[in-house]
Amino acid sequence: MSHPGSDPITLEELENWLVARVGEYVPDLEEEVDPHRDLGAYGLDSIAVVAFTADVEDRLAIRVEPTAVWDHPTIAQLAKFLLSEREAQAGRA
């Protein structure tokens, strides 16, 4: 049996999951979360970013620093980084 975070995930699936997660942290949005828009534009505060990062760690079973959200400011950029980081961390395990 595989660990839930070790299941394969495509870039599109990860982007969709990240869009849904951001939408849950910013429930009062009047528009859909755009994967190409800066996450800072949605008003995520530091507490939400830390919680969001913890969700990502649980989902992907990798260690992610909260600063990754600011270093890769759109969901599209963050998803690419996370998949590459997941592959890199799997190679070190």
N, C-alpha and C. Protein backbone atom coordinates (compact mmCIF):
# COMPACT_ATOMS: atom_id res chain seq x y z
N MET A 1 0.85 -1.18 0.00
CA MET A 1 0.00 0.00 0.00
C MET A 1 0.89 1.23 0.00
N SER A 2 0.58 2.19 -0.86
CA SER A 2 1.40 3.40 -0.95
C SER A 2 0.93 4.45 0.05
N HIS A 3 1.85 5.32 0.40
CA HIS A 3 1.53 6.46 1.27
C HIS A 3 0.71 7.44 0.45
N PRO A 4 -0.34 8.07 1.02
CA PRO A 4 -1.18 8.98 0.24
C PRO A 4 -0.39 10.07 -0.47
N GLY A 5 0.66 10.56 0.13
CA GLY A 5 1.45 11.62 -0.47
C GLY A 5 2.40 11.13 -1.54
N SER A 6 2.54 9.82 -1.66
CA SER A 6 3.45 9.28 -2.66
C SER A 6 2.74 8.92 -3.95
N ASP A 7 1.43 9.12 -4.02
CA ASP A 7 0.69 8.81 -5.23
C ASP A 7 1.12 9.75 -6.36
N PRO A 8 1.18 9.25 -7.58
CA PRO A 8 1.54 10.12 -8.72
C PRO A 8 0.52 11.26 -8.88
N ILE A 9 1.01 12.39 -9.33
CA ILE A 9 0.13 13.53 -9.58
C ILE A 9 0.70 14.29 -10.77
N THR A 10 -0.18 14.71 -11.67
CA THR A 10 0.27 15.48 -12.82
C THR A 10 0.32 16.96 -12.46
N LEU A 11 0.96 17.73 -13.34
CA LEU A 11 1.03 19.17 -13.13
C LEU A 11 -0.37 19.77 -13.09
N GLU A 12 -1.23 19.36 -13.99
CA GLU A 12 -2.60 19.88 -14.04
C GLU A 12 -3.37 19.52 -12.77
N GLU A 13 -3.23 18.29 -12.32
CA GLU A 13 -3.91 17.88 -11.09
C GLU A 13 -3.42 18.69 -9.90
N LEU A 14 -2.11 18.92 -9.84
CA LEU A 14 -1.56 19.69 -8.73
C LEU A 14 -2.04 21.14 -8.80
N GLU A 15 -2.03 21.73 -9.99
CA GLU A 15 -2.53 23.10 -10.12
C GLU A 15 -3.99 23.19 -9.67
N ASN A 16 -4.80 22.24 -10.10
CA ASN A 16 -6.22 22.26 -9.71
C ASN A 16 -6.39 22.12 -8.21
N TRP A 17 -5.57 21.26 -7.61
CA TRP A 17 -5.64 21.07 -6.16
C TRP A 17 -5.21 22.35 -5.44
N LEU A 18 -4.14 22.99 -5.93
CA LEU A 18 -3.67 24.23 -5.32
C LEU A 18 -4.71 25.34 -5.46
N VAL A 19 -5.35 25.42 -6.61
CA VAL A 19 -6.42 26.42 -6.82
C VAL A 19 -7.53 26.20 -5.78
N ALA A 20 -7.92 24.96 -5.60
CA ALA A 20 -8.98 24.65 -4.63
C ALA A 20 -8.56 25.01 -3.21
N ARG A 21 -7.29 24.70 -2.87
CA ARG A 21 -6.81 25.01 -1.51
C ARG A 21 -6.80 26.51 -1.29
N VAL A 22 -6.29 27.27 -2.23
CA VAL A 22 -6.26 28.73 -2.08
C VAL A 22 -7.68 29.24 -1.93
N GLY A 23 -8.59 28.71 -2.71
CA GLY A 23 -9.99 29.12 -2.61
C GLY A 23 -10.58 28.86 -1.23
N GLU A 24 -10.13 27.81 -0.59
CA GLU A 24 -10.61 27.52 0.77
C GLU A 24 -10.04 28.50 1.79
N TYR A 25 -8.83 28.97 1.56
CA TYR A 25 -8.23 29.94 2.50
C TYR A 25 -8.75 31.35 2.28
N VAL A 26 -9.32 31.61 1.11
CA VAL A 26 -9.85 32.94 0.81
C VAL A 26 -11.30 32.75 0.34
N PRO A 27 -12.19 32.37 1.27
CA PRO A 27 -13.56 32.02 0.87
C PRO A 27 -14.40 33.19 0.37
N ASP A 28 -14.00 34.40 0.65
CA ASP A 28 -14.81 35.56 0.24
C ASP A 28 -14.47 36.08 -1.15
N LEU A 29 -13.67 35.33 -1.90
CA LEU A 29 -13.31 35.78 -3.24
C LEU A 29 -14.54 35.86 -4.12
N GLU A 30 -14.60 36.89 -4.94
CA GLU A 30 -15.73 37.05 -5.85
C GLU A 30 -15.38 36.54 -7.25
N GLU A 31 -14.17 36.03 -7.39
CA GLU A 31 -13.72 35.51 -8.68
C GLU A 31 -13.04 34.16 -8.45
N GLU A 32 -12.84 33.42 -9.52
CA GLU A 32 -12.12 32.15 -9.41
C GLU A 32 -10.63 32.43 -9.22
N VAL A 33 -9.97 31.54 -8.54
CA VAL A 33 -8.52 31.66 -8.36
C VAL A 33 -7.86 31.39 -9.70
N ASP A 34 -7.04 32.34 -10.12
CA ASP A 34 -6.32 32.25 -11.40
C ASP A 34 -4.93 31.68 -11.12
N PRO A 35 -4.59 30.54 -11.72
CA PRO A 35 -3.28 29.95 -11.44
C PRO A 35 -2.10 30.78 -11.95
N HIS A 36 -2.39 31.82 -12.73
CA HIS A 36 -1.31 32.66 -13.26
C HIS A 36 -1.25 34.03 -12.58
N ARG A 37 -2.02 34.21 -11.55
CA ARG A 37 -2.03 35.48 -10.82
C ARG A 37 -1.20 35.32 -9.55
N ASP A 38 -0.50 36.38 -9.15
CA ASP A 38 0.29 36.33 -7.92
C ASP A 38 -0.60 35.98 -6.73
N LEU A 39 -0.14 35.03 -5.92
CA LEU A 39 -0.90 34.62 -4.75
C LEU A 39 -1.08 35.78 -3.77
N GLY A 40 -0.12 36.69 -3.73
CA GLY A 40 -0.23 37.84 -2.86
C GLY A 40 -1.46 38.69 -3.15
N ALA A 41 -1.93 38.64 -4.38
CA ALA A 41 -3.11 39.42 -4.77
C ALA A 41 -4.37 38.91 -4.09
N TYR A 42 -4.32 37.69 -3.58
CA TYR A 42 -5.50 37.12 -2.92
C TYR A 42 -5.54 37.43 -1.42
N GLY A 43 -4.50 38.11 -0.94
CA GLY A 43 -4.50 38.52 0.45
C GLY A 43 -4.19 37.43 1.45
N LEU A 44 -3.47 36.41 1.02
CA LEU A 44 -3.07 35.36 1.97
C LEU A 44 -2.13 35.97 3.00
N ASP A 45 -2.47 35.84 4.27
CA ASP A 45 -1.57 36.33 5.30
C ASP A 45 -0.57 35.24 5.67
N SER A 46 0.37 35.58 6.54
CA SER A 46 1.44 34.63 6.87
C SER A 46 0.89 33.37 7.53
N ILE A 47 -0.14 33.49 8.32
CA ILE A 47 -0.73 32.30 8.97
C ILE A 47 -1.33 31.39 7.90
N ALA A 48 -2.03 31.96 6.96
CA ALA A 48 -2.63 31.16 5.89
C ALA A 48 -1.55 30.51 5.03
N VAL A 49 -0.46 31.23 4.78
CA VAL A 49 0.63 30.66 3.97
C VAL A 49 1.26 29.47 4.69
N VAL A 50 1.46 29.59 5.99
CA VAL A 50 2.04 28.47 6.75
C VAL A 50 1.08 27.28 6.73
N ALA A 51 -0.19 27.52 6.92
CA ALA A 51 -1.18 26.43 6.88
C ALA A 51 -1.26 25.82 5.48
N PHE A 52 -1.25 26.68 4.47
CA PHE A 52 -1.29 26.23 3.08
C PHE A 52 -0.07 25.35 2.79
N THR A 53 1.09 25.78 3.25
CA THR A 53 2.32 25.01 3.04
C THR A 53 2.22 23.66 3.74
N ALA A 54 1.65 23.63 4.93
CA ALA A 54 1.48 22.35 5.63
C ALA A 54 0.55 21.42 4.85
N ASP A 55 -0.48 21.98 4.24
CA ASP A 55 -1.38 21.17 3.40
C ASP A 55 -0.61 20.57 2.22
N VAL A 56 0.24 21.39 1.62
CA VAL A 56 1.05 20.92 0.49
C VAL A 56 1.98 19.79 0.95
N GLU A 57 2.60 19.98 2.10
CA GLU A 57 3.50 18.94 2.62
C GLU A 57 2.74 17.63 2.83
N ASP A 58 1.56 17.72 3.40
CA ASP A 58 0.75 16.51 3.62
C ASP A 58 0.36 15.87 2.30
N ARG A 59 -0.05 16.67 1.34
CA ARG A 59 -0.53 16.14 0.05
C ARG A 59 0.58 15.48 -0.74
N LEU A 60 1.77 16.11 -0.73
CA LEU A 60 2.86 15.62 -1.57
C LEU A 60 3.89 14.80 -0.81
N ALA A 61 3.78 14.78 0.51
CA ALA A 61 4.73 14.05 1.36
C ALA A 61 6.16 14.54 1.14
N ILE A 62 6.29 15.87 1.07
CA ILE A 62 7.62 16.48 0.95
C ILE A 62 7.70 17.63 1.94
N ARG A 63 8.93 18.06 2.21
CA ARG A 63 9.15 19.22 3.07
C ARG A 63 9.15 20.46 2.18
N VAL A 64 8.36 21.47 2.57
CA VAL A 64 8.26 22.71 1.80
C VAL A 64 8.36 23.89 2.77
N GLU A 65 9.29 24.77 2.51
CA GLU A 65 9.40 25.99 3.30
C GLU A 65 8.29 26.96 2.89
N PRO A 66 7.69 27.65 3.85
CA PRO A 66 6.65 28.63 3.49
C PRO A 66 7.13 29.69 2.50
N THR A 67 8.42 29.97 2.49
CA THR A 67 8.94 30.98 1.56
C THR A 67 8.80 30.53 0.10
N ALA A 68 8.57 29.25 -0.13
CA ALA A 68 8.38 28.76 -1.51
C ALA A 68 7.20 29.46 -2.16
N VAL A 69 6.20 29.81 -1.36
CA VAL A 69 5.01 30.49 -1.89
C VAL A 69 5.39 31.87 -2.42
N TRP A 70 6.34 32.53 -1.79
CA TRP A 70 6.74 33.87 -2.24
C TRP A 70 7.80 33.77 -3.33
N ASP A 71 8.62 32.70 -3.28
CA ASP A 71 9.65 32.51 -4.31
C ASP A 71 9.04 32.07 -5.65
N HIS A 72 7.87 31.44 -5.60
CA HIS A 72 7.16 30.95 -6.79
C HIS A 72 5.74 31.50 -6.67
N PRO A 73 5.55 32.78 -6.98
CA PRO A 73 4.35 33.51 -6.57
C PRO A 73 3.03 33.17 -7.25
N THR A 74 3.04 32.40 -8.30
CA THR A 74 1.75 32.01 -8.88
C THR A 74 1.56 30.50 -8.67
N ILE A 75 0.34 30.06 -8.74
CA ILE A 75 0.07 28.63 -8.58
C ILE A 75 0.77 27.84 -9.68
N ALA A 76 0.78 28.36 -10.89
CA ALA A 76 1.45 27.66 -11.99
C ALA A 76 2.94 27.50 -11.70
N GLN A 77 3.58 28.56 -11.24
CA GLN A 77 5.01 28.49 -10.91
C GLN A 77 5.24 27.57 -9.71
N LEU A 78 4.38 27.70 -8.71
CA LEU A 78 4.54 26.89 -7.50
C LEU A 78 4.35 25.41 -7.80
N ALA A 79 3.39 25.07 -8.64
CA ALA A 79 3.14 23.67 -8.98
C ALA A 79 4.35 23.06 -9.68
N LYS A 80 4.94 23.80 -10.62
CA LYS A 80 6.15 23.28 -11.30
C LYS A 80 7.28 23.07 -10.29
N PHE A 81 7.47 24.05 -9.41
CA PHE A 81 8.51 23.91 -8.39
C PHE A 81 8.24 22.71 -7.50
N LEU A 82 7.01 22.55 -7.05
CA LEU A 82 6.68 21.46 -6.13
C LEU A 82 6.90 20.09 -6.76
N LEU A 83 6.52 19.95 -8.02
CA LEU A 83 6.75 18.66 -8.67
C LEU A 83 8.24 18.38 -8.80
N SER A 84 9.01 19.39 -9.14
CA SER A 84 10.45 19.20 -9.24
C SER A 84 11.06 18.93 -7.88
N GLU A 85 10.60 19.61 -6.86
CA GLU A 85 11.11 19.39 -5.50
C GLU A 85 10.72 18.00 -5.00
N ARG A 86 9.53 17.57 -5.33
CA ARG A 86 9.08 16.22 -4.92
C ARG A 86 9.98 15.16 -5.54
N GLU A 87 10.30 15.35 -6.82
CA GLU A 87 11.17 14.39 -7.50
C GLU A 87 12.57 14.42 -6.89
N ALA A 88 13.06 15.62 -6.59
CA ALA A 88 14.39 15.75 -5.99
C ALA A 88 14.44 15.10 -4.61
N GLN A 89 13.41 15.35 -3.80
CA GLN A 89 13.39 14.77 -2.45
C GLN A 89 13.23 13.26 -2.50
N ALA A 90 12.49 12.75 -3.49
CA ALA A 90 12.34 11.30 -3.63
C ALA A 90 13.68 10.66 -4.00
N GLY A 91 14.47 11.40 -4.77
CA GLY A 91 15.78 10.90 -5.16
C GLY A 91 16.76 10.84 -4.01
N ARG A 92 16.54 11.69 -2.99
CA ARG A 92 17.41 11.71 -1.82
C ARG A 92 16.99 10.70 -0.77
N ALA A 93 15.76 10.19 -0.89
CA ALA A 93 15.25 9.26 0.14
C ALA A 93 15.85 7.88 0.00
